[in-house]
Amino acid sequence: MSDSQNQTEDFSGDALLIQIDAFRDKAKQLQSLIGAKQKKVVALESLVKEREAALSEKEYKIAQLQRELDEKQEEADSLVTTVEAQVDRMLSSMRGDLVHLEKEISDKIAAGNQEEAQKLAEILSKVSDSIEEMKESLAEDPDALSLDDVRRELSDKIHSENVKVYRNLTDTVKELDHAEDMNVSMEMRYQSLKKRNTITTVFLIVEFIALVFVLLGVFHVITF
């Protein structure tokens, strides 16, 4: 009874030792697994830190780029504002120059027109004075009294319708020729009158031609 009991106790002790050894083996395996897990965790933590560091660096670079972009945008806005201001000033200056140029051109045109009008008035005045002188010289001769109307008509026509001078002179000569046929007794007077009229006509024609050429030159139709 005692030997059997001792054998049982020895068997129980061996079994316990086997269980303990098995438990230790499992504990070691578990410890190894835990160690491996911890290494993975450490590796993951290191990787996370690296990623965070890389992300932080990228965020920093992005933020830096954003600041640079903002600065460039501000510079561009400032440059655009400056250019717009310069363009506005330039346009304002050009408008002022154009207004000044337009006024200057208008003044020159007005001055030129006034000068041409003055020259024309002087020419007409000279022609009128010449005609008046002829009228006065012819009025002193009693035989020339019948020519006074012709001279007055010629003077008016030169002032109003210069183109019709030749026609009026021709009509006058024709009327005088017709008067010669009707009144032979006026032959001598008519010859004298015709001679004076011819001289006057020639002079007026010369004056008229000179006036035409001067007017054409004044209005730049012809150049001398």
C-alpha atoms as a PDB file:
ATOM      1  CA  MET A   1       0.000   0.000   0.000  1.00  0.00           C
ATOM      2  CA  SER A   2       2.778   2.272   0.823  1.00  0.00           C
ATOM      3  CA  ASP A   3       4.809   1.308  -2.293  1.00  0.00           C
ATOM      4  CA  SER A   4       1.814   1.896  -4.511  1.00  0.00           C
ATOM      5  CA  GLN A   5       1.205   5.209  -2.894  1.00  0.00           C
ATOM      6  CA  ASN A   6       4.797   6.182  -3.370  1.00  0.00           C
ATOM      7  CA  GLN A   7       4.643   5.289  -7.065  1.00  0.00           C
ATOM      8  CA  THR A   8       1.518   7.350  -7.482  1.00  0.00           C
ATOM      9  CA  GLU A   9       3.090  10.286  -5.793  1.00  0.00           C
ATOM     10  CA  ASP A  10       6.201   9.953  -7.978  1.00  0.00           C
ATOM     11  CA  PHE A  11       4.009   9.837 -11.107  1.00  0.00           C
ATOM     12  CA  SER A  12       2.057  12.861  -9.985  1.00  0.00           C
ATOM     13  CA  GLY A  13       5.278  14.765  -9.342  1.00  0.00           C
ATOM     14  CA  ASP A  14       6.656  13.882 -12.773  1.00  0.00           C
ATOM     15  CA  ALA A  15       3.421  14.936 -14.416  1.00  0.00           C
ATOM     16  CA  LEU A  16       3.500  18.182 -12.552  1.00  0.00           C
ATOM     17  CA  LEU A  17       7.069  18.778 -13.633  1.00  0.00           C
ATOM     18  CA  ILE A  18       6.094  18.010 -17.222  1.00  0.00           C
ATOM     19  CA  GLN A  19       3.215  20.465 -17.008  1.00  0.00           C
ATOM     20  CA  ILE A  20       5.475  23.057 -15.460  1.00  0.00           C
ATOM     21  CA  ASP A  21       8.026  22.559 -18.235  1.00  0.00           C
ATOM     22  CA  ALA A  22       5.273  22.791 -20.825  1.00  0.00           C
ATOM     23  CA  PHE A  23       3.945  25.931 -19.216  1.00  0.00           C
ATOM     24  CA  ARG A  24       7.443  27.386 -19.211  1.00  0.00           C
ATOM     25  CA  ASP A  25       7.828  26.534 -22.872  1.00  0.00           C
ATOM     26  CA  LYS A  26       4.516  28.195 -23.645  1.00  0.00           C
ATOM     27  CA  ALA A  27       5.543  31.157 -21.510  1.00  0.00           C
ATOM     28  CA  LYS A  28       8.787  31.428 -23.467  1.00  0.00           C
ATOM     29  CA  GLN A  29       6.893  31.154 -26.748  1.00  0.00           C
ATOM     30  CA  LEU A  30       4.456  33.769 -25.561  1.00  0.00           C
ATOM     31  CA  GLN A  31       7.328  35.935 -24.426  1.00  0.00           C
ATOM     32  CA  SER A  32       8.929  35.529 -27.835  1.00  0.00           C
ATOM     33  CA  LEU A  33       5.659  36.426 -29.525  1.00  0.00           C
ATOM     34  CA  ILE A  34       5.262  39.428 -27.250  1.00  0.00           C
ATOM     35  CA  GLY A  35       8.843  40.449 -28.004  1.00  0.00           C
ATOM     36  CA  ALA A  36       8.210  40.102 -31.715  1.00  0.00           C
ATOM     37  CA  LYS A  37       4.977  42.088 -31.393  1.00  0.00           C
ATOM     38  CA  GLN A  38       6.795  44.736 -29.416  1.00  0.00           C
ATOM     39  CA  LYS A  39       9.471  44.940 -32.103  1.00  0.00           C
ATOM     40  CA  LYS A  40       6.773  45.336 -34.732  1.00  0.00           C
ATOM     41  CA  VAL A  41       5.120  47.983 -32.593  1.00  0.00           C
ATOM     42  CA  VAL A  42       8.425  49.795 -32.221  1.00  0.00           C
ATOM     43  CA  ALA A  43       9.017  49.490 -35.946  1.00  0.00           C
ATOM     44  CA  LEU A  44       5.532  50.788 -36.644  1.00  0.00           C
ATOM     45  CA  GLU A  45       6.029  53.629 -34.201  1.00  0.00           C
ATOM     46  CA  SER A  46       9.321  54.459 -35.884  1.00  0.00           C
ATOM     47  CA  LEU A  47       7.636  54.306 -39.287  1.00  0.00           C
ATOM     48  CA  VAL A  48       4.805  56.493 -38.030  1.00  0.00           C
ATOM     49  CA  LYS A  49       7.289  58.969 -36.658  1.00  0.00           C
ATOM     50  CA  GLU A  50       9.146  58.968 -39.959  1.00  0.00           C
ATOM     51  CA  ARG A  51       5.885  59.476 -41.834  1.00  0.00           C
ATOM     52  CA  GLU A  52       4.886  62.215 -39.433  1.00  0.00           C
ATOM     53  CA  ALA A  53       8.285  63.818 -39.832  1.00  0.00           C
ATOM     54  CA  ALA A  54       8.015  63.563 -43.619  1.00  0.00           C
ATOM     55  CA  LEU A  55       4.458  64.874 -43.496  1.00  0.00           C
ATOM     56  CA  SER A  56       5.510  67.705 -41.240  1.00  0.00           C
ATOM     57  CA  GLU A  57       8.338  68.536 -43.618  1.00  0.00           C
ATOM     58  CA  LYS A  58       5.922  68.465 -46.565  1.00  0.00           C
ATOM     59  CA  GLU A  59       3.442  70.599 -44.672  1.00  0.00           C
ATOM     60  CA  TYR A  60       6.251  73.010 -43.849  1.00  0.00           C
ATOM     61  CA  LYS A  61       7.310  73.120 -47.488  1.00  0.00           C
ATOM     62  CA  ILE A  62       3.697  73.569 -48.573  1.00  0.00           C
ATOM     63  CA  ALA A  63       3.262  76.350 -46.050  1.00  0.00           C
ATOM     64  CA  GLN A  64       6.515  77.913 -47.221  1.00  0.00           C
ATOM     65  CA  LEU A  65       5.416  77.672 -50.854  1.00  0.00           C
ATOM     66  CA  GLN A  66       2.061  79.184 -49.931  1.00  0.00           C
ATOM     67  CA  ARG A  67       3.822  82.093 -48.251  1.00  0.00           C
ATOM     68  CA  GLU A  68       6.008  82.573 -51.306  1.00  0.00           C
ATOM     69  CA  LEU A  69       2.936  82.420 -53.534  1.00  0.00           C
ATOM     70  CA  ASP A  70       1.188  84.984 -51.344  1.00  0.00           C
ATOM     71  CA  GLU A  71       4.236  87.243 -51.529  1.00  0.00           C
ATOM     72  CA  LYS A  72       4.419  86.859 -55.317  1.00  0.00           C
ATOM     73  CA  GLN A  73       0.695  87.565 -55.560  1.00  0.00           C
ATOM     74  CA  GLU A  74       1.118  90.710 -53.489  1.00  0.00           C
ATOM     75  CA  GLU A  75       4.027  91.778 -55.684  1.00  0.00           C
ATOM     76  CA  ALA A  76       1.979  91.053 -58.810  1.00  0.00           C
ATOM     77  CA  ASP A  77      -1.007  92.990 -57.443  1.00  0.00           C
ATOM     78  CA  SER A  78       1.263  95.874 -56.530  1.00  0.00           C
ATOM     79  CA  LEU A  79       2.877  95.757 -59.966  1.00  0.00           C
ATOM     80  CA  VAL A  80      -0.514  95.670 -61.695  1.00  0.00           C
ATOM     81  CA  THR A  81      -1.688  98.593 -59.590  1.00  0.00           C
ATOM     82  CA  THR A  82       1.480 100.501 -60.420  1.00  0.00           C
ATOM     83  CA  VAL A  83       1.169  99.720 -64.125  1.00  0.00           C
ATOM     84  CA  GLU A  84      -2.512 100.714 -64.132  1.00  0.00           C
ATOM     85  CA  ALA A  85      -1.632 103.964 -62.405  1.00  0.00           C
ATOM     86  CA  GLN A  86       1.140 104.610 -64.930  1.00  0.00           C
ATOM     87  CA  VAL A  87      -1.184 103.780 -67.822  1.00  0.00           C
ATOM     88  CA  ASP A  88      -3.850 106.096 -66.392  1.00  0.00           C
ATOM     89  CA  ARG A  89      -1.294 108.874 -66.032  1.00  0.00           C
ATOM     90  CA  MET A  90      -0.011 108.238 -69.540  1.00  0.00           C
ATOM     91  CA  LEU A  91      -3.539 108.245 -70.972  1.00  0.00           C
ATOM     92  CA  SER A  92      -4.360 111.420 -69.066  1.00  0.00           C
ATOM     93  CA  SER A  93      -1.198 113.007 -70.399  1.00  0.00           C
ATOM     94  CA  MET A  94      -2.029 111.845 -73.921  1.00  0.00           C
ATOM     95  CA  ARG A  95      -5.552 113.221 -73.597  1.00  0.00           C
ATOM     96  CA  GLY A  96      -4.098 116.531 -72.478  1.00  0.00           C
ATOM     97  CA  ASP A  97      -1.620 116.494 -75.359  1.00  0.00           C
ATOM     98  CA  LEU A  98      -4.386 115.645 -77.837  1.00  0.00           C
ATOM     99  CA  VAL A  99      -6.588 118.430 -76.510  1.00  0.00           C
ATOM    100  CA  HIS A 100      -3.657 120.842 -76.693  1.00  0.00           C
ATOM    101  CA  LEU A 101      -2.770 119.639 -80.197  1.00  0.00           C
ATOM    102  CA  GLU A 102      -6.389 119.927 -81.318  1.00  0.00           C
ATOM    103  CA  LYS A 103      -6.582 123.455 -79.932  1.00  0.00           C
ATOM    104  CA  GLU A 104      -3.267 124.337 -81.543  1.00  0.00           C
ATOM    105  CA  ILE A 105      -4.420 122.969 -84.898  1.00  0.00           C
ATOM    106  CA  SER A 106      -7.747 124.792 -84.570  1.00  0.00           C
ATOM    107  CA  ASP A 107      -5.908 128.008 -83.712  1.00  0.00           C
ATOM    108  CA  LYS A 108      -3.586 127.558 -86.679  1.00  0.00           C
ATOM    109  CA  ILE A 109      -6.506 126.848 -89.002  1.00  0.00           C
ATOM    110  CA  ALA A 110      -8.392 129.847 -87.646  1.00  0.00           C
ATOM    111  CA  ALA A 111      -5.279 132.002 -87.935  1.00  0.00           C
ATOM    112  CA  GLY A 112      -4.654 130.688 -91.454  1.00  0.00           C
ATOM    113  CA  ASN A 113      -8.247 131.336 -92.471  1.00  0.00           C
ATOM    114  CA  GLN A 114      -8.096 134.790 -90.938  1.00  0.00           C
ATOM    115  CA  GLU A 115      -4.814 135.479 -92.695  1.00  0.00           C
ATOM    116  CA  GLU A 116      -6.175 134.239 -96.021  1.00  0.00           C
ATOM    117  CA  ALA A 117      -9.357 136.227 -95.514  1.00  0.00           C
ATOM    118  CA  GLN A 118      -7.259 139.287 -94.694  1.00  0.00           C
ATOM    119  CA  LYS A 119      -5.141 138.754 -97.813  1.00  0.00           C
ATOM    120  CA  LEU A 120      -8.279 138.338 -99.888  1.00  0.00           C
ATOM    121  CA  ALA A 121      -9.756 141.491 -98.377  1.00  0.00           C
ATOM    122  CA  GLU A 122      -6.524 143.366 -99.100  1.00  0.00           C
ATOM    123  CA  ILE A 123      -6.540 142.149-102.705  1.00  0.00           C
ATOM    124  CA  LEU A 124     -10.177 143.100-103.173  1.00  0.00           C
ATOM    125  CA  SER A 125      -9.490 146.433-101.531  1.00  0.00           C
ATOM    126  CA  LYS A 126      -6.602 147.068-103.914  1.00  0.00           C
ATOM    127  CA  VAL A 127      -8.763 146.130-106.884  1.00  0.00           C
ATOM    128  CA  SER A 128     -11.550 148.348-105.601  1.00  0.00           C
ATOM    129  CA  ASP A 129      -9.106 151.206-105.047  1.00  0.00           C
ATOM    130  CA  SER A 130      -7.752 150.772-108.566  1.00  0.00           C
ATOM    131  CA  ILE A 131     -11.251 150.844-109.978  1.00  0.00           C
ATOM    132  CA  GLU A 132     -12.133 153.889-107.917  1.00  0.00           C
ATOM    133  CA  GLU A 133      -9.009 155.624-109.182  1.00  0.00           C
ATOM    134  CA  MET A 134      -9.979 154.814-112.748  1.00  0.00           C
ATOM    135  CA  LYS A 135     -13.501 156.038-112.092  1.00  0.00           C
ATOM    136  CA  GLU A 136     -12.188 159.299-110.705  1.00  0.00           C
ATOM    137  CA  SER A 137      -9.798 159.776-113.606  1.00  0.00           C
ATOM    138  CA  LEU A 138     -12.477 158.969-116.154  1.00  0.00           C
ATOM    139  CA  ALA A 139     -15.074 161.111-114.368  1.00  0.00           C
ATOM    140  CA  GLU A 140     -12.898 164.157-114.982  1.00  0.00           C
ATOM    141  CA  ASP A 141     -13.472 163.770-118.747  1.00  0.00           C
ATOM    142  CA  PRO A 142     -17.000 164.786-119.874  1.00  0.00           C
ATOM    143  CA  ASP A 143     -16.766 162.435-122.828  1.00  0.00           C
ATOM    144  CA  ALA A 144     -16.401 159.514-120.437  1.00  0.00           C
ATOM    145  CA  LEU A 145     -19.612 160.148-118.492  1.00  0.00           C
ATOM    146  CA  SER A 146     -21.543 157.552-120.460  1.00  0.00           C
ATOM    147  CA  LEU A 147     -18.964 154.977-119.389  1.00  0.00           C
ATOM    148  CA  ASP A 148     -19.587 155.601-115.692  1.00  0.00           C
ATOM    149  CA  ASP A 149     -22.396 153.073-115.520  1.00  0.00           C
ATOM    150  CA  VAL A 150     -20.221 150.488-117.208  1.00  0.00           C
ATOM    151  CA  ARG A 151     -17.369 151.082-114.775  1.00  0.00           C
ATOM    152  CA  ARG A 152     -19.733 150.952-111.805  1.00  0.00           C
ATOM    153  CA  GLU A 153     -21.225 147.712-113.079  1.00  0.00           C
ATOM    154  CA  LEU A 154     -17.763 146.250-113.645  1.00  0.00           C
ATOM    155  CA  SER A 155     -16.694 147.264-110.134  1.00  0.00           C
ATOM    156  CA  ASP A 156     -19.736 145.604-108.587  1.00  0.00           C
ATOM    157  CA  LYS A 157     -19.265 142.489-110.642  1.00  0.00           C
ATOM    158  CA  ILE A 158     -15.604 142.166-109.621  1.00  0.00           C
ATOM    159  CA  HIS A 159     -16.620 142.268-105.969  1.00  0.00           C
ATOM    160  CA  SER A 160     -19.574 139.897-106.340  1.00  0.00           C
ATOM    161  CA  GLU A 161     -19.102 137.692-109.436  1.00  0.00           C
ATOM    162  CA  ASN A 162     -15.578 137.840-110.824  1.00  0.00           C
ATOM    163  CA  VAL A 163     -16.274 135.078-113.330  1.00  0.00           C
ATOM    164  CA  LYS A 164     -18.818 137.202-115.225  1.00  0.00           C
ATOM    165  CA  VAL A 165     -16.477 140.133-115.916  1.00  0.00           C
ATOM    166  CA  TYR A 166     -15.552 139.025-119.419  1.00  0.00           C
ATOM    167  CA  ARG A 167     -19.173 138.495-120.398  1.00  0.00           C
ATOM    168  CA  ASN A 168     -20.223 141.908-119.075  1.00  0.00           C
ATOM    169  CA  LEU A 169     -17.382 143.591-120.925  1.00  0.00           C
ATOM    170  CA  THR A 170     -18.370 141.830-124.160  1.00  0.00           C
ATOM    171  CA  ASP A 171     -21.989 142.865-123.735  1.00  0.00           C
ATOM    172  CA  THR A 172     -20.916 146.463-123.125  1.00  0.00           C
ATOM    173  CA  VAL A 173     -18.803 146.535-126.255  1.00  0.00           C
ATOM    174  CA  LYS A 174     -21.686 145.072-128.277  1.00  0.00           C
ATOM    175  CA  GLU A 175     -24.036 147.740-126.928  1.00  0.00           C
ATOM    176  CA  LEU A 176     -21.563 150.449-127.887  1.00  0.00           C
ATOM    177  CA  ASP A 177     -21.167 148.927-131.362  1.00  0.00           C
ATOM    178  CA  HIS A 178     -24.961 148.958-131.766  1.00  0.00           C
ATOM    179  CA  ALA A 179     -25.080 152.599-130.657  1.00  0.00           C
ATOM    180  CA  GLU A 180     -22.553 153.440-133.400  1.00  0.00           C
ATOM    181  CA  ASP A 181     -24.900 152.048-136.084  1.00  0.00           C
ATOM    182  CA  MET A 182     -27.837 154.028-134.724  1.00  0.00           C
ATOM    183  CA  ASN A 183     -26.063 157.350-134.325  1.00  0.00           C
ATOM    184  CA  VAL A 184     -23.351 158.068-136.858  1.00  0.00           C
ATOM    185  CA  SER A 185     -22.944 161.566-135.493  1.00  0.00           C
ATOM    186  CA  MET A 186     -21.534 160.058-132.291  1.00  0.00           C
ATOM    187  CA  GLU A 187     -18.711 158.381-134.226  1.00  0.00           C
ATOM    188  CA  MET A 188     -15.862 160.449-132.839  1.00  0.00           C
ATOM    189  CA  ARG A 189     -17.194 160.364-129.331  1.00  0.00           C
ATOM    190  CA  TYR A 190     -17.761 156.645-129.637  1.00  0.00           C
ATOM    191  CA  GLN A 191     -14.219 156.064-130.908  1.00  0.00           C
ATOM    192  CA  SER A 192     -12.835 157.986-127.988  1.00  0.00           C
ATOM    193  CA  LEU A 193     -15.136 156.173-125.625  1.00  0.00           C
ATOM    194  CA  LYS A 194     -14.259 152.819-127.157  1.00  0.00           C
ATOM    195  CA  LYS A 195     -10.569 153.589-126.859  1.00  0.00           C
ATOM    196  CA  ARG A 196     -10.931 154.523-123.222  1.00  0.00           C
ATOM    197  CA  ASN A 197     -13.153 151.531-122.638  1.00  0.00           C
ATOM    198  CA  THR A 198     -10.568 149.277-124.295  1.00  0.00           C
ATOM    199  CA  ILE A 199      -7.831 150.616-122.046  1.00  0.00           C
ATOM    200  CA  THR A 200     -10.073 150.229-119.024  1.00  0.00           C
ATOM    201  CA  THR A 201     -11.097 146.755-120.136  1.00  0.00           C
ATOM    202  CA  VAL A 202      -7.524 145.656-120.645  1.00  0.00           C
ATOM    203  CA  PHE A 203      -6.530 147.032-117.281  1.00  0.00           C
ATOM    204  CA  LEU A 204      -9.484 145.395-115.548  1.00  0.00           C
ATOM    205  CA  ILE A 205      -8.804 142.105-117.305  1.00  0.00           C
ATOM    206  CA  VAL A 206      -5.188 142.234-116.180  1.00  0.00           C
ATOM    207  CA  GLU A 207      -6.301 143.075-112.642  1.00  0.00           C
ATOM    208  CA  PHE A 208      -8.861 140.284-112.732  1.00  0.00           C
ATOM    209  CA  ILE A 209      -6.371 137.714-114.025  1.00  0.00           C
ATOM    210  CA  ALA A 210      -3.877 138.801-111.388  1.00  0.00           C
ATOM    211  CA  LEU A 211      -6.615 138.548-108.748  1.00  0.00           C
ATOM    212  CA  VAL A 212      -7.539 135.048-109.919  1.00  0.00           C
ATOM    213  CA  PHE A 213      -3.932 133.880-109.757  1.00  0.00           C
ATOM    214  CA  VAL A 214      -3.426 135.450-106.347  1.00  0.00           C
ATOM    215  CA  LEU A 215      -6.605 133.816-105.011  1.00  0.00           C
ATOM    216  CA  LEU A 216      -5.554 130.465-106.442  1.00  0.00           C
ATOM    217  CA  GLY A 217      -2.222 130.878-104.720  1.00  0.00           C
ATOM    218  CA  VAL A 218      -3.824 131.906-101.432  1.00  0.00           C
ATOM    219  CA  PHE A 219      -6.027 128.811-101.426  1.00  0.00           C
ATOM    220  CA  HIS A 220      -3.073 126.653-102.557  1.00  0.00           C
ATOM    221  CA  VAL A 221      -4.751 125.643-105.809  1.00  0.00           C
ATOM    222  CA  ILE A 222      -1.523 126.555-107.609  1.00  0.00           C
ATOM    223  CA  THR A 223       1.955 127.182-106.264  1.00  0.00           C
ATOM    224  CA  PHE A 224       4.356 129.851-107.375  1.00  0.00           C
END
